[in-house]
Amino acid sequence: MQRLKIDQDIKPLSEVRIGIANYIKQVRDTKRPVIITQHGKGVAVLLDASEYENMQERLELLTDVQTSLGQLANGQGVTHEDAKNKILKRVKK
């Protein structure tokens, strides 16, 4: 996802309502989200669907890494040699 450009990517709801098609095109073209405000406060984000999917995948990967680090810290890890032997046994079947 591209970095947000504050002067271009934060829009009031009233403006987005009028030109939603233009903002969807902007999000698609720039790959940057549009922050939608109401009464001067951020209330929603308009985001390209593929960028959203990429963000979800990265979040899942980071969650998996965090889980793995927690397991290692609790002594639930497997040595490299044990992992290698388990994989080789499965491949040979």
PDB file of N, CA and C in Angstrom:
ATOM      1  N   MET A   1       0.855  -1.170   0.000  1.00  0.00           N
ATOM      2  CA  MET A   1       0.000   0.000   0.000  1.00  0.00           C
ATOM      3  C   MET A   1       0.899   1.231   0.000  1.00  0.00           C
ATOM      4  N   GLN A   2       0.537   2.199  -0.785  1.00  0.00           N
ATOM      5  CA  GLN A   2       1.276   3.456  -0.855  1.00  0.00           C
ATOM      6  C   GLN A   2       1.010   4.285   0.393  1.00  0.00           C
ATOM      7  N   ARG A   3       1.948   5.167   0.700  1.00  0.00           N
ATOM      8  CA  ARG A   3       1.781   6.056   1.858  1.00  0.00           C
ATOM      9  C   ARG A   3       0.680   7.075   1.592  1.00  0.00           C
ATOM     10  N   LEU A   4      -0.023   7.394   2.632  1.00  0.00           N
ATOM     11  CA  LEU A   4      -1.108   8.365   2.587  1.00  0.00           C
ATOM     12  C   LEU A   4      -0.551   9.764   2.305  1.00  0.00           C
ATOM     13  N   LYS A   5      -1.210  10.505   1.438  1.00  0.00           N
ATOM     14  CA  LYS A   5      -0.876  11.911   1.205  1.00  0.00           C
ATOM     15  C   LYS A   5      -1.995  12.733   1.827  1.00  0.00           C
ATOM     16  N   ILE A   6      -1.679  13.360   2.940  1.00  0.00           N
ATOM     17  CA  ILE A   6      -2.698  14.029   3.755  1.00  0.00           C
ATOM     18  C   ILE A   6      -3.503  15.045   2.961  1.00  0.00           C
ATOM     19  N   ASP A   7      -2.843  15.801   2.111  1.00  0.00           N
ATOM     20  CA  ASP A   7      -3.560  16.848   1.375  1.00  0.00           C
ATOM     21  C   ASP A   7      -4.466  16.289   0.278  1.00  0.00           C
ATOM     22  N   GLN A   8      -4.297  15.021  -0.098  1.00  0.00           N
ATOM     23  CA  GLN A   8      -5.099  14.430  -1.165  1.00  0.00           C
ATOM     24  C   GLN A   8      -6.017  13.305  -0.704  1.00  0.00           C
ATOM     25  N   ASP A   9      -5.701  12.687   0.404  1.00  0.00           N
ATOM     26  CA  ASP A   9      -6.362  11.434   0.769  1.00  0.00           C
ATOM     27  C   ASP A   9      -7.250  11.497   2.006  1.00  0.00           C
ATOM     28  N   ILE A  10      -7.502  12.663   2.533  1.00  0.00           N
ATOM     29  CA  ILE A  10      -8.451  12.808   3.642  1.00  0.00           C
ATOM     30  C   ILE A  10      -9.593  13.690   3.146  1.00  0.00           C
ATOM     31  N   LYS A  11     -10.782  13.122   3.117  1.00  0.00           N
ATOM     32  CA  LYS A  11     -11.940  13.806   2.528  1.00  0.00           C
ATOM     33  C   LYS A  11     -13.145  13.743   3.448  1.00  0.00           C
ATOM     34  N   PRO A  12     -13.924  14.804   3.488  1.00  0.00           N
ATOM     35  CA  PRO A  12     -15.162  14.782   4.281  1.00  0.00           C
ATOM     36  C   PRO A  12     -16.222  13.903   3.615  1.00  0.00           C
ATOM     37  N   LEU A  13     -17.047  13.303   4.416  1.00  0.00           N
ATOM     38  CA  LEU A  13     -18.105  12.416   3.930  1.00  0.00           C
ATOM     39  C   LEU A  13     -18.984  13.110   2.895  1.00  0.00           C
ATOM     40  N   SER A  14     -19.320  14.353   3.126  1.00  0.00           N
ATOM     41  CA  SER A  14     -20.190  15.069   2.185  1.00  0.00           C
ATOM     42  C   SER A  14     -19.565  15.135   0.790  1.00  0.00           C
ATOM     43  N   GLU A  15     -18.259  15.292   0.717  1.00  0.00           N
ATOM     44  CA  GLU A  15     -17.558  15.341  -0.572  1.00  0.00           C
ATOM     45  C   GLU A  15     -17.492  13.955  -1.216  1.00  0.00           C
ATOM     46  N   VAL A  16     -17.281  12.941  -0.405  1.00  0.00           N
ATOM     47  CA  VAL A  16     -17.201  11.570  -0.920  1.00  0.00           C
ATOM     48  C   VAL A  16     -18.554  11.126  -1.461  1.00  0.00           C
ATOM     49  N   ARG A  17     -19.638  11.483  -0.774  1.00  0.00           N
ATOM     50  CA  ARG A  17     -20.991  11.124  -1.232  1.00  0.00           C
ATOM     51  C   ARG A  17     -21.238  11.616  -2.661  1.00  0.00           C
ATOM     52  N   ILE A  18     -20.831  12.838  -2.914  1.00  0.00           N
ATOM     53  CA  ILE A  18     -21.086  13.450  -4.228  1.00  0.00           C
ATOM     54  C   ILE A  18     -20.268  12.789  -5.325  1.00  0.00           C
ATOM     55  N   GLY A  19     -19.027  12.432  -5.018  1.00  0.00           N
ATOM     56  CA  GLY A  19     -18.147  11.921  -6.070  1.00  0.00           C
ATOM     57  C   GLY A  19     -17.535  10.576  -5.764  1.00  0.00           C
ATOM     58  N   ILE A  20     -18.336   9.638  -5.251  1.00  0.00           N
ATOM     59  CA  ILE A  20     -17.807   8.337  -4.832  1.00  0.00           C
ATOM     60  C   ILE A  20     -17.079   7.622  -5.964  1.00  0.00           C
ATOM     61  N   ALA A  21     -17.587   7.678  -7.180  1.00  0.00           N
ATOM     62  CA  ALA A  21     -16.932   7.002  -8.305  1.00  0.00           C
ATOM     63  C   ALA A  21     -15.517   7.546  -8.519  1.00  0.00           C
ATOM     64  N   ASN A  22     -15.354   8.850  -8.361  1.00  0.00           N
ATOM     65  CA  ASN A  22     -14.032   9.449  -8.523  1.00  0.00           C
ATOM     66  C   ASN A  22     -13.070   8.961  -7.436  1.00  0.00           C
ATOM     67  N   TYR A  23     -13.569   8.813  -6.216  1.00  0.00           N
ATOM     68  CA  TYR A  23     -12.706   8.365  -5.127  1.00  0.00           C
ATOM     69  C   TYR A  23     -12.351   6.886  -5.266  1.00  0.00           C
ATOM     70  N   ILE A  24     -13.279   6.100  -5.767  1.00  0.00           N
ATOM     71  CA  ILE A  24     -12.976   4.691  -6.032  1.00  0.00           C
ATOM     72  C   ILE A  24     -11.894   4.595  -7.100  1.00  0.00           C
ATOM     73  N   LYS A  25     -12.001   5.403  -8.141  1.00  0.00           N
ATOM     74  CA  LYS A  25     -10.981   5.426  -9.187  1.00  0.00           C
ATOM     75  C   LYS A  25      -9.635   5.883  -8.621  1.00  0.00           C
ATOM     76  N   GLN A  26      -9.654   6.899  -7.769  1.00  0.00           N
ATOM     77  CA  GLN A  26      -8.420   7.398  -7.152  1.00  0.00           C
ATOM     78  C   GLN A  26      -7.733   6.301  -6.337  1.00  0.00           C
ATOM     79  N   VAL A  27      -8.519   5.587  -5.551  1.00  0.00           N
ATOM     80  CA  VAL A  27      -7.977   4.518  -4.715  1.00  0.00           C
ATOM     81  C   VAL A  27      -7.395   3.409  -5.588  1.00  0.00           C
ATOM     82  N   ARG A  28      -8.098   3.054  -6.636  1.00  0.00           N
ATOM     83  CA  ARG A  28      -7.616   2.024  -7.562  1.00  0.00           C
ATOM     84  C   ARG A  28      -6.324   2.450  -8.244  1.00  0.00           C
ATOM     85  N   ASP A  29      -6.291   3.683  -8.725  1.00  0.00           N
ATOM     86  CA  ASP A  29      -5.138   4.171  -9.484  1.00  0.00           C
ATOM     87  C   ASP A  29      -3.904   4.395  -8.617  1.00  0.00           C
ATOM     88  N   THR A  30      -4.099   4.966  -7.437  1.00  0.00           N
ATOM     89  CA  THR A  30      -2.955   5.344  -6.599  1.00  0.00           C
ATOM     90  C   THR A  30      -2.537   4.257  -5.612  1.00  0.00           C
ATOM     91  N   LYS A  31      -3.444   3.305  -5.351  1.00  0.00           N
ATOM     92  CA  LYS A  31      -3.223   2.270  -4.330  1.00  0.00           C
ATOM     93  C   LYS A  31      -3.077   2.870  -2.935  1.00  0.00           C
ATOM     94  N   ARG A  32      -3.537   4.105  -2.771  1.00  0.00           N
ATOM     95  CA  ARG A  32      -3.534   4.768  -1.466  1.00  0.00           C
ATOM     96  C   ARG A  32      -4.962   4.790  -0.939  1.00  0.00           C
ATOM     97  N   PRO A  33      -5.139   4.619   0.360  1.00  0.00           N
ATOM     98  CA  PRO A  33      -6.483   4.697   0.924  1.00  0.00           C
ATOM     99  C   PRO A  33      -6.973   6.138   0.979  1.00  0.00           C
ATOM    100  N   VAL A  34      -8.275   6.295   1.068  1.00  0.00           N
ATOM    101  CA  VAL A  34      -8.882   7.600   1.313  1.00  0.00           C
ATOM    102  C   VAL A  34      -9.515   7.529   2.696  1.00  0.00           C
ATOM    103  N   ILE A  35      -9.143   8.460   3.551  1.00  0.00           N
ATOM    104  CA  ILE A  35      -9.719   8.551   4.886  1.00  0.00           C
ATOM    105  C   ILE A  35     -10.956   9.436   4.791  1.00  0.00           C
ATOM    106  N   ILE A  36     -12.082   8.922   5.241  1.00  0.00           N
ATOM    107  CA  ILE A  36     -13.339   9.669   5.185  1.00  0.00           C
ATOM    108  C   ILE A  36     -13.616  10.229   6.573  1.00  0.00           C
ATOM    109  N   THR A  37     -13.873  11.533   6.619  1.00  0.00           N
ATOM    110  CA  THR A  37     -14.119  12.183   7.899  1.00  0.00           C
ATOM    111  C   THR A  37     -15.581  12.606   8.010  1.00  0.00           C
ATOM    112  N   GLN A  38     -16.031  12.731   9.238  1.00  0.00           N
ATOM    113  CA  GLN A  38     -17.363  13.238   9.537  1.00  0.00           C
ATOM    114  C   GLN A  38     -17.214  14.131  10.764  1.00  0.00           C
ATOM    115  N   HIS A  39     -17.633  15.368  10.623  1.00  0.00           N
ATOM    116  CA  HIS A  39     -17.475  16.356  11.685  1.00  0.00           C
ATOM    117  C   HIS A  39     -16.007  16.490  12.104  1.00  0.00           C
ATOM    118  N   GLY A  40     -15.117  16.390  11.119  1.00  0.00           N
ATOM    119  CA  GLY A  40     -13.693  16.588  11.363  1.00  0.00           C
ATOM    120  C   GLY A  40     -12.943  15.407  11.954  1.00  0.00           C
ATOM    121  N   LYS A  41     -13.620  14.266  12.123  1.00  0.00           N
ATOM    122  CA  LYS A  41     -12.970  13.083  12.692  1.00  0.00           C
ATOM    123  C   LYS A  41     -13.001  11.938  11.692  1.00  0.00           C
ATOM    124  N   GLY A  42     -11.914  11.168  11.633  1.00  0.00           N
ATOM    125  CA  GLY A  42     -11.862  10.016  10.755  1.00  0.00           C
ATOM    126  C   GLY A  42     -12.878   8.967  11.177  1.00  0.00           C
ATOM    127  N   VAL A  43     -13.725   8.525  10.214  1.00  0.00           N
ATOM    128  CA  VAL A  43     -14.757   7.537  10.546  1.00  0.00           C
ATOM    129  C   VAL A  43     -14.682   6.282   9.679  1.00  0.00           C
ATOM    130  N   ALA A  44     -13.998   6.370   8.522  1.00  0.00           N
ATOM    131  CA  ALA A  44     -13.945   5.214   7.632  1.00  0.00           C
ATOM    132  C   ALA A  44     -12.737   5.339   6.706  1.00  0.00           C
ATOM    133  N   VAL A  45     -12.396   4.202   6.088  1.00  0.00           N
ATOM    134  CA  VAL A  45     -11.291   4.168   5.126  1.00  0.00           C
ATOM    135  C   VAL A  45     -11.794   3.485   3.869  1.00  0.00           C
ATOM    136  N   LEU A  46     -11.557   4.121   2.735  1.00  0.00           N
ATOM    137  CA  LEU A  46     -11.862   3.524   1.433  1.00  0.00           C
ATOM    138  C   LEU A  46     -10.552   2.960   0.911  1.00  0.00           C
ATOM    139  N   LEU A  47     -10.524   1.646   0.654  1.00  0.00           N
ATOM    140  CA  LEU A  47      -9.288   0.960   0.330  1.00  0.00           C
ATOM    141  C   LEU A  47      -9.499   0.050  -0.865  1.00  0.00           C
ATOM    142  N   ASP A  48      -8.517  -0.005  -1.761  1.00  0.00           N
ATOM    143  CA  ASP A  48      -8.562  -0.906  -2.913  1.00  0.00           C
ATOM    144  C   ASP A  48      -8.662  -2.359  -2.413  1.00  0.00           C
ATOM    145  N   ALA A  49      -9.490  -3.161  -3.068  1.00  0.00           N
ATOM    146  CA  ALA A  49      -9.730  -4.533  -2.613  1.00  0.00           C
ATOM    147  C   ALA A  49      -8.446  -5.364  -2.600  1.00  0.00           C
ATOM    148  N   SER A  50      -7.617  -5.250  -3.612  1.00  0.00           N
ATOM    149  CA  SER A  50      -6.375  -6.031  -3.636  1.00  0.00           C
ATOM    150  C   SER A  50      -5.415  -5.566  -2.548  1.00  0.00           C
ATOM    151  N   GLU A  51      -5.398  -4.280  -2.262  1.00  0.00           N
ATOM    152  CA  GLU A  51      -4.565  -3.767  -1.171  1.00  0.00           C
ATOM    153  C   GLU A  51      -5.065  -4.296   0.172  1.00  0.00           C
ATOM    154  N   TYR A  52      -6.380  -4.397   0.315  1.00  0.00           N
ATOM    155  CA  TYR A  52      -6.955  -4.949   1.545  1.00  0.00           C
ATOM    156  C   TYR A  52      -6.543  -6.413   1.719  1.00  0.00           C
ATOM    157  N   GLU A  53      -6.626  -7.186   0.631  1.00  0.00           N
ATOM    158  CA  GLU A  53      -6.224  -8.595   0.690  1.00  0.00           C
ATOM    159  C   GLU A  53      -4.751  -8.725   1.056  1.00  0.00           C
ATOM    160  N   ASN A  54      -3.895  -7.901   0.453  1.00  0.00           N
ATOM    161  CA  ASN A  54      -2.465  -7.929   0.768  1.00  0.00           C
ATOM    162  C   ASN A  54      -2.232  -7.602   2.239  1.00  0.00           C
ATOM    163  N   MET A  55      -2.962  -6.623   2.744  1.00  0.00           N
ATOM    164  CA  MET A  55      -2.837  -6.228   4.144  1.00  0.00           C
ATOM    165  C   MET A  55      -3.248  -7.389   5.062  1.00  0.00           C
ATOM    166  N   GLN A  56      -4.324  -8.077   4.714  1.00  0.00           N
ATOM    167  CA  GLN A  56      -4.786  -9.222   5.509  1.00  0.00           C
ATOM    168  C   GLN A  56      -3.742 -10.332   5.507  1.00  0.00           C
ATOM    169  N   GLU A  57      -3.134 -10.609   4.350  1.00  0.00           N
ATOM    170  CA  GLU A  57      -2.108 -11.646   4.264  1.00  0.00           C
ATOM    171  C   GLU A  57      -0.903 -11.302   5.133  1.00  0.00           C
ATOM    172  N   ARG A  58      -0.481 -10.037   5.095  1.00  0.00           N
ATOM    173  CA  ARG A  58       0.650  -9.611   5.919  1.00  0.00           C
ATOM    174  C   ARG A  58       0.312  -9.733   7.406  1.00  0.00           C
ATOM    175  N   LEU A  59      -0.906  -9.378   7.766  1.00  0.00           N
ATOM    176  CA  LEU A  59      -1.337  -9.486   9.156  1.00  0.00           C
ATOM    177  C   LEU A  59      -1.335 -10.948   9.616  1.00  0.00           C
ATOM    178  N   GLU A  60      -1.820 -11.849   8.764  1.00  0.00           N
ATOM    179  CA  GLU A  60      -1.819 -13.272   9.107  1.00  0.00           C
ATOM    180  C   GLU A  60      -0.392 -13.788   9.289  1.00  0.00           C
ATOM    181  N   LEU A  61       0.517 -13.366   8.410  1.00  0.00           N
ATOM    182  CA  LEU A  61       1.904 -13.787   8.517  1.00  0.00           C
ATOM    183  C   LEU A  61       2.528 -13.279   9.810  1.00  0.00           C
ATOM    184  N   LEU A  62       2.295 -12.007  10.132  1.00  0.00           N
ATOM    185  CA  LEU A  62       2.835 -11.447  11.372  1.00  0.00           C
ATOM    186  C   LEU A  62       2.253 -12.150  12.598  1.00  0.00           C
ATOM    187  N   THR A  63       0.978 -12.509  12.536  1.00  0.00           N
ATOM    188  CA  THR A  63       0.346 -13.246  13.636  1.00  0.00           C
ATOM    189  C   THR A  63       0.991 -14.616  13.793  1.00  0.00           C
ATOM    190  N   ASP A  64       1.253 -15.288  12.673  1.00  0.00           N
ATOM    191  CA  ASP A  64       1.909 -16.598  12.719  1.00  0.00           C
ATOM    192  C   ASP A  64       3.318 -16.488  13.313  1.00  0.00           C
ATOM    193  N   VAL A  65       4.049 -15.458  12.919  1.00  0.00           N
ATOM    194  CA  VAL A  65       5.399 -15.256  13.450  1.00  0.00           C
ATOM    195  C   VAL A  65       5.329 -15.006  14.957  1.00  0.00           C
ATOM    196  N   GLN A  66       4.388 -14.169  15.377  1.00  0.00           N
ATOM    197  CA  GLN A  66       4.240 -13.877  16.810  1.00  0.00           C
ATOM    198  C   GLN A  66       3.886 -15.145  17.587  1.00  0.00           C
ATOM    199  N   THR A  67       3.004 -15.968  17.050  1.00  0.00           N
ATOM    200  CA  THR A  67       2.636 -17.232  17.689  1.00  0.00           C
ATOM    201  C   THR A  67       3.853 -18.141  17.797  1.00  0.00           C
ATOM    202  N   SER A  68       4.622 -18.227  16.717  1.00  0.00           N
ATOM    203  CA  SER A  68       5.817 -19.076  16.712  1.00  0.00           C
ATOM    204  C   SER A  68       6.838 -18.607  17.739  1.00  0.00           C
ATOM    205  N   LEU A  69       7.042 -17.295  17.824  1.00  0.00           N
ATOM    206  CA  LEU A  69       7.987 -16.766  18.806  1.00  0.00           C
ATOM    207  C   LEU A  69       7.530 -17.086  20.226  1.00  0.00           C
ATOM    208  N   GLY A  70       6.236 -17.003  20.467  1.00  0.00           N
ATOM    209  CA  GLY A  70       5.699 -17.357  21.782  1.00  0.00           C
ATOM    210  C   GLY A  70       5.913 -18.824  22.094  1.00  0.00           C
ATOM    211  N   GLN A  71       5.715 -19.685  21.094  1.00  0.00           N
ATOM    212  CA  GLN A  71       5.929 -21.115  21.292  1.00  0.00           C
ATOM    213  C   GLN A  71       7.395 -21.411  21.592  1.00  0.00           C
ATOM    214  N   LEU A  72       8.290 -20.748  20.867  1.00  0.00           N
ATOM    215  CA  LEU A  72       9.718 -20.947  21.124  1.00  0.00           C
ATOM    216  C   LEU A  72      10.094 -20.490  22.529  1.00  0.00           C
ATOM    217  N   ALA A  73       9.534 -19.362  22.945  1.00  0.00           N
ATOM    218  CA  ALA A  73       9.821 -18.839  24.285  1.00  0.00           C
ATOM    219  C   ALA A  73       9.334 -19.787  25.374  1.00  0.00           C
ATOM    220  N   ASN A  74       8.280 -20.556  25.077  1.00  0.00           N
ATOM    221  CA  ASN A  74       7.731 -21.512  26.043  1.00  0.00           C
ATOM    222  C   ASN A  74       8.346 -22.900  25.915  1.00  0.00           C
ATOM    223  N   GLY A  75       9.405 -23.020  25.126  1.00  0.00           N
ATOM    224  CA  GLY A  75      10.086 -24.310  24.985  1.00  0.00           C
ATOM    225  C   GLY A  75       9.362 -25.300  24.101  1.00  0.00           C
ATOM    226  N   GLN A  76       8.460 -24.827  23.260  1.00  0.00           N
ATOM    227  CA  GLN A  76       7.700 -25.721  22.395  1.00  0.00           C
ATOM    228  C   GLN A  76       8.327 -25.866  21.005  1.00  0.00           C
ATOM    229  N   GLY A  77       9.524 -25.381  20.847  1.00  0.00           N
ATOM    230  CA  GLY A  77      10.184 -25.429  19.541  1.00  0.00           C
ATOM    231  C   GLY A  77      10.732 -26.808  19.230  1.00  0.00           C
ATOM    232  N   VAL A  78      11.107 -26.991  17.987  1.00  0.00           N
ATOM    233  CA  VAL A  78      11.707 -28.232  17.511  1.00  0.00           C
ATOM    234  C   VAL A  78      13.082 -27.879  16.963  1.00  0.00           C
ATOM    235  N   THR A  79      14.081 -28.703  17.270  1.00  0.00           N
ATOM    236  CA  THR A  79      15.414 -28.426  16.743  1.00  0.00           C
ATOM    237  C   THR A  79      15.421 -28.575  15.227  1.00  0.00           C
ATOM    238  N   HIS A  80      16.389 -27.950  14.624  1.00  0.00           N
ATOM    239  CA  HIS A  80      16.520 -28.029  13.161  1.00  0.00           C
ATOM    240  C   HIS A  80      16.673 -29.486  12.719  1.00  0.00           C
ATOM    241  N   GLU A  81      17.489 -30.226  13.427  1.00  0.00           N
ATOM    242  CA  GLU A  81      17.742 -31.626  13.065  1.00  0.00           C
ATOM    243  C   GLU A  81      16.466 -32.461  13.168  1.00  0.00           C
ATOM    244  N   ASP A  82      15.672 -32.274  14.232  1.00  0.00           N
ATOM    245  CA  ASP A  82      14.405 -33.008  14.381  1.00  0.00           C
ATOM    246  C   ASP A  82      13.423 -32.647  13.264  1.00  0.00           C
ATOM    247  N   ALA A  83      13.332 -31.373  12.954  1.00  0.00           N
ATOM    248  CA  ALA A  83      12.426 -30.939  11.880  1.00  0.00           C
ATOM    249  C   ALA A  83      12.858 -31.531  10.554  1.00  0.00           C
ATOM    250  N   LYS A  84      14.142 -31.495  10.282  1.00  0.00           N
ATOM    251  CA  LYS A  84      14.684 -32.050   9.032  1.00  0.00           C
ATOM    252  C   LYS A  84      14.371 -33.546   8.926  1.00  0.00           C
ATOM    253  N   ASN A  85      14.583 -34.292  10.013  1.00  0.00           N
ATOM    254  CA  ASN A  85      14.306 -35.733  10.005  1.00  0.00           C
ATOM    255  C   ASN A  85      12.824 -36.025   9.782  1.00  0.00           C
ATOM    256  N   LYS A  86      11.943 -35.256  10.426  1.00  0.00           N
ATOM    257  CA  LYS A  86      10.501 -35.460  10.243  1.00  0.00           C
ATOM    258  C   LYS A  86      10.094 -35.224   8.791  1.00  0.00           C
ATOM    259  N   ILE A  87      10.627 -34.179   8.193  1.00  0.00           N
ATOM    260  CA  ILE A  87      10.280 -33.855   6.799  1.00  0.00           C
ATOM    261  C   ILE A  87      10.818 -34.931   5.868  1.00  0.00           C
ATOM    262  N   LEU A  88      12.053 -35.364   6.084  1.00  0.00           N
ATOM    263  CA  LEU A  88      12.633 -36.398   5.219  1.00  0.00           C
ATOM    264  C   LEU A  88      11.843 -37.695   5.314  1.00  0.00           C
ATOM    265  N   LYS A  89      11.364 -38.057   6.511  1.00  0.00           N
ATOM    266  CA  LYS A  89      10.563 -39.278   6.670  1.00  0.00           C
ATOM    267  C   LYS A  89       9.263 -39.161   5.865  1.00  0.00           C
ATOM    268  N   ARG A  90       8.631 -37.999   5.889  1.00  0.00           N
ATOM    269  CA  ARG A  90       7.382 -37.806   5.137  1.00  0.00           C
ATOM    270  C   ARG A  90       7.632 -37.854   3.644  1.00  0.00           C
ATOM    271  N   VAL A  91       8.739 -37.310   3.192  1.00  0.00           N
ATOM    272  CA  VAL A  91       9.042 -37.273   1.750  1.00  0.00           C
ATOM    273  C   VAL A  91       9.346 -38.668   1.229  1.00  0.00           C
ATOM    274  N   LYS A  92       9.976 -39.491   2.026  1.00  0.00           N
ATOM    275  CA  LYS A  92      10.367 -40.842   1.597  1.00  0.00           C
ATOM    276  C   LYS A  92       9.187 -41.790   1.484  1.00  0.00           C
ATOM    277  N   LYS A  93       8.036 -41.445   2.117  1.00  0.00           N
ATOM    278  CA  LYS A  93       6.859 -42.342   2.078  1.00  0.00           C
ATOM    279  C   LYS A  93       6.233 -42.402   0.734  1.00  0.00           C
TER     280      LYS A  93
END
